[in-house]
Protein backbone atom coordinates (compact mmCIF):
# COMPACT_ATOMS: atom_id res chain seq x y z
CA MET A 1 0.93 2.07 -31.89
CA GLU A 2 0.99 -1.27 -30.70
CA SER A 3 -2.52 -2.06 -29.60
CA LYS A 4 -2.19 -5.26 -27.09
CA VAL A 5 -2.09 -5.23 -24.01
CA VAL A 6 1.23 -5.42 -22.68
CA GLY A 7 2.22 -6.11 -18.87
CA ARG A 8 5.42 -6.58 -16.13
CA PHE A 9 7.83 -8.20 -14.05
CA ALA A 10 9.37 -5.22 -12.83
CA PRO A 11 11.67 -7.08 -9.50
CA SER A 12 14.98 -5.49 -8.32
CA PRO A 13 17.75 -8.44 -7.62
CA THR A 14 18.08 -7.93 -4.29
CA GLY A 15 16.96 -10.57 -2.76
CA ARG A 16 14.57 -13.85 -3.14
CA MET A 17 10.64 -13.34 -3.99
CA HIS A 18 8.73 -13.04 -1.44
CA ALA A 19 4.28 -13.67 -0.93
CA GLY A 20 4.18 -9.34 -1.24
CA ASN A 21 5.61 -9.70 -5.11
CA ILE A 22 4.35 -13.65 -5.79
CA TYR A 23 0.52 -11.24 -6.03
CA ALA A 24 1.58 -8.83 -7.38
CA ALA A 25 3.16 -10.64 -10.67
CA LEU A 26 0.17 -13.19 -10.05
CA VAL A 27 -1.88 -9.88 -10.68
CA ALA A 28 -0.02 -8.40 -13.82
CA TRP A 29 0.06 -12.02 -15.43
CA LEU A 30 -4.02 -12.71 -14.98
CA VAL A 31 -4.20 -9.18 -16.03
CA ALA A 32 -2.37 -9.13 -18.61
CA LYS A 33 -3.10 -12.64 -20.31
CA SER A 34 -7.49 -12.05 -19.97
CA GLN A 35 -6.97 -9.92 -22.46
CA GLY A 36 -4.55 -11.35 -24.81
CA GLY A 37 -1.44 -9.42 -23.96
CA ASP A 38 2.05 -10.28 -23.01
CA ILE A 39 4.40 -9.87 -20.55
CA VAL A 40 7.68 -7.99 -20.09
CA LEU A 41 10.81 -9.66 -17.67
CA ARG A 42 12.95 -6.69 -16.39
CA ILE A 43 15.05 -6.54 -13.91
CA GLU A 44 15.79 -3.55 -11.86
CA ASP A 45 19.16 -3.43 -11.35
CA LEU A 46 19.55 0.41 -11.27
CA ASP A 47 21.16 0.04 -7.04
CA ARG A 48 24.69 -2.12 -8.12
CA GLU A 49 25.96 -1.84 -4.95
CA ARG A 50 22.11 -4.05 -3.33
CA SER A 51 21.67 -6.41 -6.95
CA LYS A 52 23.69 -9.54 -6.66
CA PRO A 53 23.69 -11.85 -9.58
CA ARG A 54 22.58 -15.02 -7.80
CA PHE A 55 19.27 -13.00 -7.22
CA ILE A 56 19.45 -12.12 -11.39
CA ASP A 57 19.45 -15.43 -12.08
CA ALA A 58 17.02 -16.94 -9.11
CA VAL A 59 14.02 -14.65 -9.29
CA GLN A 60 13.59 -15.92 -13.81
CA ARG A 61 13.65 -19.16 -11.72
CA ASP A 62 11.21 -18.11 -9.81
CA PHE A 63 8.78 -17.29 -12.14
CA GLU A 64 9.00 -20.58 -14.44
CA MET A 65 8.82 -21.94 -11.15
CA LEU A 66 5.46 -20.69 -10.60
CA GLY A 67 4.12 -20.79 -14.28
CA LEU A 68 4.18 -16.91 -14.35
CA THR A 69 5.93 -16.68 -17.49
CA TRP A 70 6.85 -13.90 -19.50
CA ASP A 71 7.17 -13.42 -23.41
CA ARG A 72 9.89 -10.40 -23.83
CA GLY A 73 13.02 -10.17 -22.45
CA PRO A 74 14.58 -10.03 -19.68
CA PHE A 75 15.74 -6.61 -20.27
CA PHE A 76 17.65 -5.31 -17.64
CA GLN A 77 18.28 -1.08 -16.16
CA HIS A 78 21.79 -1.27 -16.31
CA ASP A 79 22.03 -1.92 -19.98
CA ARG A 80 19.87 1.83 -20.16
CA ASP A 81 22.02 4.50 -19.09
CA ASP A 82 22.09 6.20 -22.70
CA ALA A 83 18.80 6.12 -22.74
CA TYR A 84 18.32 7.88 -19.17
CA ALA A 85 21.00 10.29 -20.39
CA GLU A 86 19.36 11.25 -23.46
CA ALA A 87 15.54 11.74 -21.61
CA PHE A 88 17.45 13.56 -18.60
CA ARG A 89 19.27 16.27 -21.48
CA THR A 90 15.72 16.34 -22.93
CA LEU A 91 14.35 17.57 -18.93
CA ALA A 92 17.18 20.06 -18.85
CA ASP A 93 16.81 21.63 -22.37
CA LYS A 94 13.96 22.56 -21.34
CA GLY A 95 15.32 24.52 -17.86
CA LEU A 96 12.91 22.11 -15.25
CA VAL A 97 16.64 20.27 -14.29
CA TYR A 98 18.94 21.62 -11.12
CA PRO A 99 21.02 20.74 -9.09
CA CYS A 100 19.95 20.29 -4.87
CA TYR A 101 22.86 19.94 -2.57
CA CYS A 102 20.35 18.48 0.41
CA THR A 103 21.67 15.68 2.07
CA ARG A 104 19.00 13.50 3.69
CA ALA A 105 19.14 14.32 7.04
CA ASP A 106 18.32 17.76 5.02
CA LEU A 107 14.84 16.43 4.03
CA HIS A 108 14.09 15.50 7.19
CA ALA A 109 14.78 18.40 9.27
CA ALA A 110 13.05 20.79 5.96
CA SER A 111 9.83 18.57 5.05
CA ALA A 112 6.47 17.66 6.23
CA PRO A 113 4.39 13.75 5.11
CA HIS A 114 1.46 14.73 3.02
CA ARG A 115 -1.58 12.99 3.41
CA GLY A 116 0.84 10.07 5.12
CA GLU A 117 2.78 9.22 2.12
CA LYS A 118 5.51 11.20 1.35
CA LEU A 119 7.65 14.27 2.24
CA VAL A 120 7.85 17.04 0.16
CA TYR A 121 10.07 19.24 -0.76
CA PRO A 122 10.32 22.14 0.29
CA GLY A 123 12.61 23.75 -3.28
CA THR A 124 15.83 24.30 -0.78
CA CYS A 125 17.61 24.51 -3.65
CA ARG A 126 16.11 25.25 -6.26
CA HIS A 127 16.42 29.30 -5.65
CA LEU A 128 20.30 28.97 -5.00
CA SER A 129 22.55 31.60 -7.34
CA ALA A 130 25.37 30.82 -8.88
CA GLU A 131 28.06 31.99 -5.83
CA GLU A 132 25.88 29.41 -3.21
CA ARG A 133 25.76 26.75 -5.56
CA THR A 134 29.29 27.27 -6.13
CA ALA A 135 29.66 27.28 -1.78
CA ARG A 136 28.35 24.10 -1.48
CA GLU A 137 30.10 22.38 -4.20
CA ALA A 138 33.78 23.40 -2.42
CA SER A 139 32.50 22.34 0.87
CA GLY A 140 32.43 19.00 -1.36
CA ARG A 141 28.41 18.42 -1.41
CA LYS A 142 28.50 16.05 -4.76
CA PRO A 143 24.23 17.48 -6.16
CA ALA A 144 22.12 15.31 -7.36
CA SER A 145 19.66 16.40 -9.55
CA ARG A 146 15.94 18.10 -9.31
CA LEU A 147 13.02 17.62 -12.21
CA MET A 148 11.14 21.02 -11.08
CA VAL A 149 6.65 20.90 -10.99
CA ASP A 150 4.43 23.18 -10.73
CA ASP A 151 0.94 24.06 -9.29
CA GLU A 152 -1.12 21.81 -11.34
CA GLU A 153 -2.98 18.80 -10.70
CA ILE A 154 -2.61 15.44 -12.45
CA SER A 155 -4.95 12.99 -12.22
CA PHE A 156 -6.03 9.72 -13.46
CA LEU A 157 -8.38 6.79 -13.06
CA ASP A 158 -6.43 3.74 -11.72
CA ALA A 159 -8.24 0.86 -12.20
CA VAL A 160 -8.62 -1.06 -8.75
CA GLN A 161 -8.25 2.63 -6.06
CA GLY A 162 -10.76 4.80 -8.68
CA ARG A 163 -9.94 8.38 -9.15
CA TYR A 164 -6.76 9.73 -7.98
CA THR A 165 -5.59 13.05 -7.64
CA GLN A 166 -2.91 15.32 -6.51
CA ASN A 167 -1.28 18.17 -7.34
CA LEU A 168 3.02 18.33 -7.77
CA GLU A 169 3.38 21.08 -6.02
CA ARG A 170 1.73 20.92 -2.67
CA ASP A 171 1.50 17.29 -2.79
CA CYS A 172 5.52 15.81 -4.14
CA GLY A 173 7.45 18.47 -4.59
CA ASP A 174 10.59 19.28 -7.29
CA PHE A 175 11.61 15.63 -7.35
CA LEU A 176 14.84 13.55 -7.59
CA ILE A 177 15.43 12.02 -11.65
CA ARG A 178 19.42 11.58 -10.75
CA ARG A 179 21.28 11.09 -7.56
CA SER A 180 24.22 12.27 -6.02
CA ASP A 181 26.25 9.57 -6.88
CA GLN A 182 25.03 10.19 -10.54
CA ALA A 183 22.87 6.92 -10.88
CA PHE A 184 19.40 7.93 -12.52
CA ALA A 185 16.59 7.87 -10.10
CA TYR A 186 13.64 4.98 -9.84
CA GLN A 187 11.31 7.50 -11.34
CA LEU A 188 12.98 8.61 -14.68
CA ALA A 189 13.97 4.83 -15.13
CA VAL A 190 10.45 2.98 -15.14
CA VAL A 191 9.29 5.75 -17.72
CA VAL A 192 11.62 5.76 -20.59
CA ASP A 193 12.04 1.89 -19.68
CA ASP A 194 7.96 1.68 -20.03
CA ALA A 195 8.00 3.69 -22.73
CA ALA A 196 11.12 1.79 -24.81
CA GLN A 197 9.76 -2.27 -23.71
CA GLY A 198 5.97 -1.46 -25.27
CA VAL A 199 4.58 -1.86 -21.80
CA THR A 200 0.77 -0.14 -21.65
CA SER A 201 -0.32 -2.02 -17.83
CA VAL A 202 1.09 -1.10 -15.20
CA VAL A 203 -0.03 -3.27 -11.93
CA ARG A 204 1.57 -2.20 -8.56
CA GLY A 205 1.04 -2.21 -4.52
CA VAL A 206 -0.76 0.34 -3.73
CA ASP A 207 2.31 2.43 -1.84
CA LEU A 208 3.20 3.43 -5.29
CA LEU A 209 -0.03 5.32 -6.31
CA CYS A 210 1.62 8.38 -4.64
CA SER A 211 4.28 8.16 -7.36
CA THR A 212 2.01 7.59 -10.42
CA PRO A 213 1.01 11.26 -11.02
CA GLN A 214 5.45 12.22 -11.24
CA GLN A 215 5.11 9.60 -13.78
CA ILE A 216 3.13 10.81 -15.72
CA TYR A 217 4.28 14.27 -15.67
CA LEU A 218 7.59 13.13 -17.06
CA GLN A 219 5.18 11.25 -19.75
CA ASN A 220 3.64 14.23 -19.89
CA LEU A 221 7.16 16.46 -20.87
CA LEU A 222 9.06 13.44 -22.81
CA GLY A 223 6.28 12.70 -24.75
CA LEU A 224 5.83 9.66 -24.02
CA PRO A 225 2.31 7.05 -23.48
CA HIS A 226 0.39 6.62 -20.43
CA PRO A 227 -0.16 2.66 -19.24
CA GLU A 228 -3.18 1.82 -17.32
CA TYR A 229 -2.68 1.40 -13.95
CA ALA A 230 -3.92 -0.42 -11.33
CA HIS A 231 -2.51 -0.90 -7.80
CA ILE A 232 -3.14 -3.26 -5.55
CA PRO A 233 -3.68 -3.79 -1.53
CA LEU A 234 -0.80 -4.63 -0.58
CA LEU A 235 -0.06 -8.16 1.49
CA VAL A 236 0.48 -7.43 5.55
CA ALA A 237 1.61 -8.43 8.36
CA GLU A 238 1.12 -8.32 11.92
CA GLU A 239 0.59 -4.04 12.98
CA ASN A 240 -0.53 -3.00 9.38
CA ARG A 241 3.46 -4.63 8.50
CA ARG A 242 3.81 -4.17 5.19
CA LEU A 243 5.53 -8.03 3.90
CA SER A 244 9.15 -7.50 2.07
CA LYS A 245 12.23 -9.68 1.89
CA ARG A 246 12.92 -9.28 5.77
CA ASP A 247 9.89 -11.31 6.65
CA HIS A 248 11.10 -14.64 6.52
CA ASP A 249 7.49 -16.06 7.06
CA ALA A 250 7.15 -15.69 3.72
CA SER A 251 9.44 -16.14 1.63
CA LEU A 252 9.67 -17.97 -1.06
CA GLU A 253 11.39 -21.39 0.67
CA THR A 254 9.26 -20.65 3.79
CA LEU A 255 6.35 -20.45 1.43
CA LEU A 256 7.55 -23.97 -0.61
CA ALA A 257 7.94 -25.10 3.11
CA ARG A 258 4.59 -24.57 4.48
CA PHE A 259 2.83 -25.05 0.74
CA LYS A 260 4.45 -27.95 -0.92
CA THR A 261 3.47 -26.62 -4.43
CA PRO A 262 3.95 -23.95 -6.48
CA GLU A 263 -0.10 -24.42 -7.15
CA ALA A 264 -0.57 -24.58 -3.80
CA ILE A 265 0.87 -21.07 -3.32
CA LEU A 266 -1.11 -19.46 -5.97
CA GLY A 267 -3.96 -20.91 -4.99
CA HIS A 268 -3.83 -19.71 -1.21
CA ILE A 269 -2.69 -16.08 -3.06
CA ALA A 270 -5.51 -15.84 -4.78
CA GLY A 271 -8.29 -17.18 -2.24
CA ILE A 272 -7.10 -14.42 0.51
CA THR A 273 -7.02 -11.90 -1.85
CA GLY A 274 -10.60 -12.01 -3.19
CA LEU A 275 -8.93 -13.48 -6.81
CA ALA A 276 -10.23 -16.87 -6.32
CA PRO A 277 -13.03 -17.96 -4.28
CA THR A 278 -11.48 -20.79 -2.18
CA CYS A 279 -7.65 -21.02 -1.43
CA ASP A 280 -7.56 -24.53 -3.37
CA PRO A 281 -3.81 -25.12 -5.76
CA ALA A 282 -4.45 -23.58 -8.59
CA SER A 283 -1.71 -22.72 -11.15
CA ALA A 284 -1.66 -19.58 -12.86
CA ASP A 285 -3.41 -20.68 -16.14
CA GLU A 286 -6.85 -22.28 -14.13
CA LEU A 287 -7.15 -18.73 -11.96
CA LEU A 288 -7.93 -16.78 -15.27
CA SER A 289 -10.88 -18.30 -15.74
CA CYS A 290 -12.10 -16.39 -12.55
CA PHE A 291 -9.98 -14.04 -12.70
CA SER A 292 -11.49 -10.09 -12.25
CA LEU A 293 -10.19 -7.00 -10.75
CA ASP A 294 -13.45 -7.02 -8.66
CA ALA A 295 -12.48 -8.06 -5.56
CA LEU A 296 -9.36 -5.65 -4.98
CA HIS A 297 -11.87 -2.33 -6.02
CA GLY A 298 -10.37 -0.06 -3.57
CA ARG A 299 -8.87 -1.92 -0.63
CA ILE A 300 -5.69 -0.89 0.46
CA GLN A 301 -4.89 -4.11 2.55
CA VAL A 302 -4.89 -8.25 2.95
CA LYS A 303 -3.98 -9.81 6.54
CA TRP A 304 -1.83 -12.87 5.29
CA GLU A 305 -2.29 -16.09 6.80
């Protein structure tokens, strides 16, 4: 078993980088490199319609320009269908997978958000009879595939947010592992990929904290190791709006126009998030000398300035 820390960059090639994913990539790099570890670059292109070849090339150039180097990869999810299918069969052989015919509208009508985090699936299709399933398929509905969960708690210690516990049945419900278009779902794919690529350290936004127990549940079922997790505060704009690729004021192009150099971008992000004592320009290597996760502990948001 590999003892070296292995972190990951896992961009989706649906647009250029912005301040939010530069920040997440920077912290992932600092966590791994501060422990003498490696970084995997994985292109998460499960969504074939939205993933564009020009962005696959661009995101790699962006990482290189910012000095956020990787040691392994790039790996591509579009090459991994056989591995996902094998994991899917393992779960199906355990009798834990069933077809779900619910539309998005059905889910919103039947579910309620729990703790403001996500919709909880109410189990609508879990106990359908063979006749009911046949009738739904006859109506033209193509089923997705859900994984059954039990009334059990999954708990883990996050390096930034502390102890987090979720009851899978109450807080999540049975969740998708394959979509109705037969594309494998994100939860299954990242679990299989992290294990195959030796990832031991996962750094990402706190908005994904509530997904982690489902991934740990999958790791348990598939006999895969558990990485260490660090869910960092989100960079938010006005009115607590999370920065995204739609926020052109935080796009890499705009950041370069504003700050002029990659070091100035990284230094500003490090300064406003508390990763560095000032917002002075600094390279990723220079930020290693003062790096600690302590400044992020328990924080949910950081205001983008």
